[in-house]
Amino acid sequence: MEPAKKLQVFIKSPDLGIPTRALAVDPGLTFRRLKLSVLSRAARLHETLALESFYFSSGGKALLDSSTVSGSGILPLSTLTLRLRISGGGGDGGATGAESRDCYLNMYAVKKPDKVDPNETRLTKWTTCALSFEPLAPPCVVDRLGNVFNKERLVEALLGKKLPKEFSHIRGLKDMIPVHLSEIPGSEKSGTRFQCPITGQEFNGKYGFIVLRGCGHVLSSKALKEVKSSACLVCHREFSDSDKMVLNGTAEEVKALRERMEEERGKLRERKEKKEKKLDTRLSGTKHLADEKGRLPVHGKQEGTVKKFKAVDIAPAHATKEVYASIFTSSRKSDFKETYSCRSLPLGRN
């Protein structure tokens, strides 16, 4: 079955300070899931605001959370605005207790049971692109901190220099590791599309997953733990412990990955500097001239000797050496003056 075509829309939220940006969404996506994707990036709001405190509107009309994008009649290139619900107020023009933003946020701080469902947040993190919030669709890549992206969206942001500050560690294609995600057959309509090819565990955040940087295959931590092998369980390519990288890891795991990334970059930078320094030394050394004893200075040291060229040393067999040498230079000194036309006939003899 051919997957549904993505719908291009614009999303903004003046209340959250989110500028207008383009987004390709699945027509079957509910506004609740779309809202969760947008709010999951603003982690600071999770502790103070409830998911139900926001709603989408289009053309001044409120959109139900349970409705789908296609079911609401949203046209391509429409603008969806994420609004903050305003409650209370006596209608008499008096105070509402929300004259400032801080007061307004404190009003919702007491709504502990209505916070964003952590299960939905986890599922969104593992099933959507970390940059565009679109459902993961091959080709996919991961960065050196274990975030998963749709490659096309990441490359577009990198070329357009529109990467958010949190992804500033991605500097080029070398920081993208292509990955192979094993798709679950018939999973187009379910929330999870990928699984471990060995254990069958779903790629939904309930289980740990690891990518092998050498081959790019994504396996569950359980598979690598139960099957002791130094080769990939899919392609049988050899790997070391340094090739294993945790996906969507905890804060401690991300910190360890960041330290390893900085260490690898430091070693690469050191090798590059040594190579450039060696090249500069070769090009900017003293002039290679032999001294009186025929020694050649190399990088400030006398190494080896330079033998002067003599034509007689390469004279053909049965050839008179003096005659052969006269081809290249005058081999016999004479007091006679020579003309430009004939060096062998002195003045007075022609």
Protein backbone atom coordinates (compact mmCIF):
# COMPACT_ATOMS: atom_id res chain seq x y z
CA MET A 1 0.00 0.00 0.00
CA GLU A 2 1.44 3.36 -0.99
CA PRO A 3 2.01 5.69 2.02
CA ALA A 4 -0.11 8.84 2.28
CA LYS A 5 1.41 11.98 0.80
CA LYS A 6 2.66 14.53 3.31
CA LEU A 7 0.75 17.79 3.70
CA GLN A 8 2.79 21.01 3.79
CA VAL A 9 1.52 23.46 6.44
CA PHE A 10 2.82 26.40 8.47
CA ILE A 11 2.85 26.30 12.27
CA LYS A 12 3.34 29.21 14.68
CA SER A 13 2.69 30.02 18.32
CA PRO A 14 2.82 33.68 19.38
CA ASP A 15 2.06 32.66 22.98
CA LEU A 16 5.21 30.49 23.14
CA GLY A 17 7.37 32.75 21.00
CA ILE A 18 7.64 30.12 18.24
CA PRO A 19 8.05 31.82 14.83
CA THR A 20 6.27 30.62 11.71
CA ARG A 21 7.91 27.58 10.18
CA ALA A 22 7.04 25.08 7.46
CA LEU A 23 6.28 21.50 8.38
CA ALA A 24 5.32 18.43 6.37
CA VAL A 25 2.76 16.41 8.35
CA ASP A 26 0.97 13.13 7.88
CA PRO A 27 -2.71 13.78 6.92
CA GLY A 28 -3.76 11.05 9.36
CA LEU A 29 -1.96 12.68 12.30
CA THR A 30 -4.20 13.93 15.10
CA PHE A 31 -3.83 17.46 16.39
CA ARG A 32 -3.01 16.05 19.82
CA ARG A 33 0.04 14.23 18.46
CA LEU A 34 1.03 17.28 16.45
CA LYS A 35 0.66 19.46 19.54
CA LEU A 36 2.78 17.07 21.55
CA SER A 37 5.51 17.15 18.90
CA VAL A 38 5.68 20.94 19.02
CA LEU A 39 5.57 21.17 22.80
CA SER A 40 8.14 18.41 23.33
CA ARG A 41 10.83 20.76 22.05
CA ALA A 42 9.93 23.39 24.68
CA ALA A 43 10.99 21.24 27.63
CA ARG A 44 10.81 24.16 30.05
CA LEU A 45 7.03 24.27 29.66
CA HIS A 46 6.45 20.68 30.69
CA GLU A 47 6.72 21.42 34.37
CA THR A 48 4.29 24.34 34.40
CA LEU A 49 1.72 23.92 31.65
CA ALA A 50 -0.66 21.10 30.82
CA LEU A 51 -1.06 19.67 27.33
CA GLU A 52 -4.75 20.56 27.43
CA SER A 53 -3.83 24.20 28.02
CA PHE A 54 -3.10 24.55 24.30
CA TYR A 55 -5.16 24.09 21.17
CA PHE A 56 -4.69 24.51 17.42
CA SER A 57 -6.73 26.97 15.38
CA SER A 58 -6.96 27.68 11.67
CA GLY A 59 -8.65 30.73 10.22
CA GLY A 60 -9.97 31.65 13.67
CA LYS A 61 -11.63 28.23 14.14
CA ALA A 62 -10.56 25.98 17.01
CA LEU A 63 -9.53 22.44 16.05
CA LEU A 64 -10.32 19.43 18.24
CA ASP A 65 -7.38 17.41 19.57
CA SER A 66 -9.00 14.14 18.46
CA SER A 67 -9.47 15.35 14.86
CA THR A 68 -7.00 14.47 12.13
CA VAL A 69 -5.40 16.94 9.78
CA SER A 70 -7.22 15.58 6.75
CA GLY A 71 -10.53 15.16 8.62
CA SER A 72 -10.57 18.85 9.54
CA GLY A 73 -10.36 19.95 5.92
CA ILE A 74 -6.96 21.59 6.30
CA LEU A 75 -5.69 22.68 2.88
CA PRO A 76 -2.03 22.63 1.80
CA LEU A 77 0.01 25.67 2.90
CA SER A 78 -2.53 26.52 5.60
CA THR A 79 -1.32 28.20 8.79
CA LEU A 80 -1.99 26.42 12.09
CA THR A 81 -1.70 28.54 15.21
CA LEU A 82 -0.99 26.94 18.59
CA ARG A 83 -2.92 29.00 21.16
CA LEU A 84 -2.95 29.07 24.94
CA ARG A 85 -6.43 28.63 26.41
CA ILE A 86 -7.63 31.60 28.49
CA SER A 87 -9.83 30.64 31.42
CA GLY A 88 -11.51 32.61 34.17
CA GLY A 89 -12.46 36.29 34.15
CA GLY A 90 -15.73 37.68 35.46
CA GLY A 91 -16.64 39.51 32.28
CA ASP A 92 -16.87 42.79 34.17
CA GLY A 93 -13.50 44.10 33.17
CA GLY A 94 -12.04 43.32 36.59
CA ALA A 95 -8.84 41.52 37.43
CA THR A 96 -8.41 37.91 36.36
CA GLY A 97 -5.33 37.18 38.44
CA ALA A 98 -3.27 36.94 35.27
CA GLU A 99 -2.11 40.49 34.69
CA SER A 100 1.44 39.25 34.13
CA ARG A 101 2.83 36.18 32.40
CA ASP A 102 4.28 34.86 35.67
CA CYS A 103 0.90 35.02 37.37
CA TYR A 104 -0.71 33.28 34.44
CA LEU A 105 1.82 30.43 34.49
CA ASN A 106 1.41 30.03 38.24
CA MET A 107 -2.33 29.56 37.74
CA TYR A 108 -1.60 26.34 35.81
CA ALA A 109 1.26 25.15 37.98
CA VAL A 110 -1.19 23.39 40.33
CA LYS A 111 -2.57 21.14 37.57
CA LYS A 112 -0.27 18.22 38.26
CA PRO A 113 -2.53 15.40 36.95
CA ASP A 114 -3.02 17.13 33.58
CA LYS A 115 0.64 17.32 32.64
CA VAL A 116 1.98 15.94 29.39
CA ASP A 117 1.84 12.17 29.35
CA PRO A 118 5.46 10.94 29.65
CA ASN A 119 4.60 7.86 27.61
CA GLU A 120 3.49 10.01 24.67
CA THR A 121 6.60 12.17 25.02
CA ARG A 122 8.80 9.08 24.97
CA LEU A 123 6.99 7.60 21.98
CA THR A 124 7.28 10.87 20.05
CA LYS A 125 11.03 11.02 20.71
CA TRP A 126 11.57 7.52 19.30
CA THR A 127 9.19 7.64 16.35
CA THR A 128 9.72 11.15 14.94
CA CYS A 129 12.66 13.12 13.54
CA ALA A 130 14.46 15.06 16.28
CA LEU A 131 14.57 18.14 14.04
CA SER A 132 11.33 18.28 12.01
CA PHE A 133 9.04 16.11 14.23
CA GLU A 134 7.99 14.18 11.14
CA PRO A 135 7.59 10.39 11.45
CA LEU A 136 10.90 8.63 10.93
CA ALA A 137 11.26 7.49 7.33
CA PRO A 138 14.42 6.04 5.73
CA PRO A 139 17.00 7.21 4.91
CA CYS A 140 17.71 8.06 8.54
CA VAL A 141 20.89 9.22 10.27
CA VAL A 142 22.05 9.75 13.84
CA ASP A 143 24.44 12.33 15.22
CA ARG A 144 27.28 11.59 17.62
CA LEU A 145 25.00 12.13 20.62
CA GLY A 146 22.47 9.48 19.57
CA ASN A 147 19.68 11.69 18.18
CA VAL A 148 17.78 10.21 15.23
CA PHE A 149 16.91 12.32 12.16
CA ASN A 150 15.38 12.04 8.73
CA LYS A 151 18.46 12.63 6.60
CA GLU A 152 16.77 14.90 4.06
CA ARG A 153 15.52 17.34 6.70
CA LEU A 154 18.86 17.45 8.50
CA VAL A 155 20.83 18.09 5.31
CA GLU A 156 18.41 20.86 4.29
CA ALA A 157 18.81 22.58 7.67
CA LEU A 158 22.58 22.17 7.54
CA LEU A 159 22.88 23.65 4.05
CA GLY A 160 20.52 26.49 4.92
CA LYS A 161 22.37 27.12 8.21
CA LYS A 162 19.10 26.77 10.13
CA LEU A 163 20.15 24.19 12.71
CA PRO A 164 18.95 24.99 16.24
CA LYS A 165 21.59 25.72 18.88
CA GLU A 166 21.04 22.34 20.52
CA PHE A 167 22.35 20.66 17.34
CA SER A 168 25.32 22.99 16.83
CA HIS A 169 27.69 20.04 17.28
CA ILE A 170 26.64 18.81 13.82
CA ARG A 171 29.09 20.51 11.45
CA GLY A 172 28.87 18.41 8.30
CA LEU A 173 28.20 15.03 6.74
CA LYS A 174 31.01 13.49 8.80
CA ASP A 175 28.90 14.03 11.91
CA MET A 176 25.99 12.05 10.40
CA ILE A 177 26.01 8.27 10.74
CA PRO A 178 23.67 6.50 8.28
CA VAL A 179 21.58 3.86 10.07
CA HIS A 180 19.55 0.86 8.95
CA LEU A 181 16.21 0.57 10.78
CA SER A 182 14.34 -2.73 10.45
CA GLU A 183 10.72 -1.97 9.60
CA ILE A 184 7.82 -3.93 11.11
CA PRO A 185 5.70 -5.47 8.32
CA GLY A 186 2.30 -3.79 8.04
CA SER A 187 3.13 -1.06 10.55
CA GLU A 188 2.12 1.94 8.41
CA LYS A 189 -0.91 2.73 10.59
CA SER A 190 0.57 1.90 13.99
CA GLY A 191 2.57 4.20 16.23
CA THR A 192 5.78 2.16 15.95
CA ARG A 193 7.31 1.29 12.57
CA PHE A 194 10.68 -0.23 13.47
CA GLN A 195 12.02 -3.09 15.55
CA CYS A 196 15.18 -4.99 16.44
CA PRO A 197 15.89 -7.49 13.63
CA ILE A 198 17.13 -10.07 16.18
CA THR A 199 14.79 -9.89 19.20
CA GLY A 200 11.77 -8.18 17.60
CA GLN A 201 11.62 -5.52 20.33
CA GLU A 202 9.85 -2.40 19.10
CA PHE A 203 11.68 0.88 18.57
CA ASN A 204 9.42 2.83 20.92
CA GLY A 205 11.61 3.82 23.88
CA LYS A 206 10.65 0.96 26.18
CA TYR A 207 13.87 -0.86 25.34
CA GLY A 208 17.45 0.28 24.85
CA PHE A 209 18.86 0.37 21.33
CA ILE A 210 22.43 0.66 20.06
CA VAL A 211 23.78 1.56 16.62
CA LEU A 212 27.03 0.08 15.33
CA ARG A 213 28.88 3.00 13.77
CA GLY A 214 30.86 0.82 11.37
CA CYS A 215 27.90 -0.72 9.52
CA GLY A 216 24.98 1.41 10.79
CA HIS A 217 22.74 -1.48 11.91
CA VAL A 218 20.44 -0.70 14.85
CA LEU A 219 20.10 -3.53 17.38
CA SER A 220 18.51 -3.78 20.80
CA SER A 221 20.75 -3.83 23.86
CA LYS A 222 19.23 -7.20 24.74
CA ALA A 223 20.41 -8.76 21.46
CA LEU A 224 24.02 -7.62 21.95
CA LYS A 225 23.95 -8.70 25.58
CA GLU A 226 22.58 -12.19 25.01
CA VAL A 227 24.58 -12.99 21.87
CA LYS A 228 28.25 -12.54 22.69
CA SER A 229 29.90 -11.66 19.41
CA SER A 230 32.46 -9.19 18.07
CA ALA A 231 30.66 -9.10 14.71
CA CYS A 232 27.37 -7.49 13.71
CA LEU A 233 24.48 -9.95 14.06
CA VAL A 234 23.04 -8.76 10.75
CA CYS A 235 25.94 -8.21 8.33
CA HIS A 236 28.69 -10.00 10.36
CA ARG A 237 31.06 -7.04 10.13
CA GLU A 238 33.61 -6.87 12.94
CA PHE A 239 33.21 -4.07 15.49
CA SER A 240 34.79 -2.91 18.74
CA ASP A 241 33.28 -1.44 21.90
CA SER A 242 34.06 2.07 20.64
CA ASP A 243 31.79 1.43 17.62
CA LYS A 244 28.72 0.96 19.83
CA MET A 245 26.63 4.10 20.43
CA VAL A 246 23.45 4.42 22.49
CA LEU A 247 20.39 5.95 20.79
CA ASN A 248 18.21 8.48 22.65
CA GLY A 249 20.20 7.86 25.80
CA THR A 250 19.83 9.27 29.30
CA ALA A 251 21.53 12.49 30.40
CA GLU A 252 24.51 10.52 31.72
CA GLU A 253 24.83 8.51 28.50
CA VAL A 254 24.60 11.67 26.35
CA LYS A 255 27.28 13.30 28.51
CA ALA A 256 29.58 10.31 27.96
CA LEU A 257 28.94 10.45 24.20
CA ARG A 258 29.73 14.18 24.14
CA GLU A 259 33.02 13.59 25.96
CA ARG A 260 33.94 10.86 23.51
CA MET A 261 33.04 13.13 20.58
CA GLU A 262 35.29 15.91 21.90
CA GLU A 263 38.11 13.44 22.49
CA GLU A 264 37.88 12.07 18.95
CA ARG A 265 37.80 15.60 17.51
CA GLY A 266 40.84 16.54 19.60
CA LYS A 267 42.84 13.58 18.27
CA LEU A 268 41.80 14.37 14.71
CA ARG A 269 42.78 18.02 15.14
CA GLU A 270 46.15 16.99 16.61
CA ARG A 271 46.91 14.67 13.68
CA LYS A 272 45.97 17.42 11.23
CA GLU A 273 48.22 19.96 12.95
CA LYS A 274 51.16 17.53 12.94
CA LYS A 275 50.64 16.85 9.24
CA GLU A 276 50.50 20.57 8.40
CA LYS A 277 53.55 21.30 10.54
CA LYS A 278 55.52 18.56 8.80
CA LEU A 279 54.53 19.92 5.39
CA ASP A 280 55.46 23.49 6.37
CA THR A 281 58.86 22.30 7.58
CA ARG A 282 59.55 20.70 4.24
CA LEU A 283 58.51 23.76 2.24
CA SER A 284 60.07 26.46 4.42
CA GLY A 285 63.47 24.83 5.10
CA THR A 286 66.90 26.20 4.05
CA LYS A 287 67.89 26.13 0.40
CA HIS A 288 69.22 22.75 -0.64
CA LEU A 289 72.75 23.59 -1.67
CA ALA A 290 75.77 21.37 -1.21
CA ASP A 291 78.72 22.69 0.76
CA GLU A 292 82.38 22.34 -0.13
CA LYS A 293 82.44 18.70 0.90
CA GLY A 294 79.34 17.92 -1.17
CA ARG A 295 76.98 17.51 1.80
CA LEU A 296 73.36 18.57 1.38
CA PRO A 297 71.59 20.39 4.29
CA VAL A 298 68.19 18.82 4.98
CA HIS A 299 65.99 20.56 7.62
CA GLY A 300 69.05 22.19 9.14
CA LYS A 301 71.14 18.99 9.22
CA GLN A 302 73.87 17.66 6.97
CA GLU A 303 72.57 14.42 5.54
CA GLY A 304 74.26 12.52 2.73
CA THR A 305 76.49 13.85 -0.06
CA VAL A 306 75.78 15.24 -3.51
CA LYS A 307 77.92 13.88 -6.34
CA LYS A 308 78.72 16.33 -9.14
CA PHE A 309 77.59 15.35 -12.61
CA LYS A 310 80.34 14.28 -15.04
CA ALA A 311 79.55 13.44 -18.63
CA VAL A 312 82.41 10.95 -18.85
CA ASP A 313 80.69 8.80 -16.25
CA ILE A 314 77.87 7.99 -18.64
CA ALA A 315 79.87 7.83 -21.89
CA PRO A 316 78.84 5.01 -24.23
CA ALA A 317 81.09 2.02 -24.68
CA HIS A 318 84.07 2.40 -27.09
CA ALA A 319 83.62 6.20 -27.07
CA THR A 320 86.46 8.61 -26.43
CA LYS A 321 85.59 10.18 -23.12
CA GLU A 322 87.14 13.56 -23.92
CA VAL A 323 85.26 13.83 -27.20
CA TYR A 324 81.98 12.78 -25.57
CA ALA A 325 82.46 15.25 -22.73
CA SER A 326 83.09 18.10 -25.20
CA ILE A 327 79.47 17.81 -26.32
CA PHE A 328 78.28 19.16 -22.97
CA THR A 329 81.14 21.49 -21.99
CA SER A 330 84.61 22.52 -22.92
CA SER A 331 86.83 19.71 -21.74
CA ARG A 332 90.16 21.25 -22.84
CA LYS A 333 91.30 24.69 -21.87
CA SER A 334 93.03 26.82 -24.52
CA ASP A 335 94.53 30.31 -24.77
CA PHE A 336 92.92 30.84 -28.17
CA LYS A 337 89.86 33.05 -28.41
CA GLU A 338 86.75 31.46 -29.84
CA THR A 339 84.11 32.84 -32.15
CA TYR A 340 80.39 32.43 -31.63
CA SER A 341 80.11 30.31 -34.80
CA CYS A 342 82.85 27.80 -34.25
CA ARG A 343 84.50 27.20 -30.92
CA SER A 344 87.13 24.79 -32.35
CA LEU A 345 88.73 27.26 -34.82
CA PRO A 346 90.68 30.08 -33.16
CA LEU A 347 91.09 33.48 -34.81
CA GLY A 348 93.66 33.50 -37.60
CA ARG A 349 92.94 29.89 -38.61
CA ASN A 350 89.66 30.45 -40.41
